[in-house]
Amino acid sequence: MGKIRKRKPKRNSNLDTVENFEEEICVDSRDTSIQTIIDQLQAVNVEEKYCALQSFAMLIENEQNVEQAVSRGLIKIIAPLLLDPASCIRNASAGSLRNLSSLGMSICETLMEHDIMTPLICYFHQKLGLLMAV
């Protein structure tokens, strides 16, 4: 049998090489990481949620990131995870919110404004109901 040669595509020499390059979009890494955390927290997979909660805990170690994380609504996304069926998600969300609250009274007031107590009280009612049933 014979060999088949592949044809090389013709190049258009008239194109300017500068026009062929797309400009890179400058994206703030903080915005990107917060958006990634939001996407992972809203995922169905337990491992992704857990990874996002761990990333959030690392993110809030720097106080510059806290204000941006709060303004993007991460507290309102993390608070309902206190009621998640997976115990590792409940523990990680409680731990990350606890770490956030240790940053100062202004953050504690912000947590209260973002209605952190409702899922926490619901969790206590669930556990109390289980204890009363036994």
Foldseek 3Di string as FASTA:
>chain_A
DDDDDDDDDDDDPPDDPVVVDDDDDDDDVLVVLLVLLVVLLPDPDPVSPLVSLVSLLVQVVDVVSPVVSVVVPVLLSLLLQCVPPDPSSVVSSVVSVVSQVVPDDVSVVSSVVSPSVVNVVVSVVVVVVVVVVD
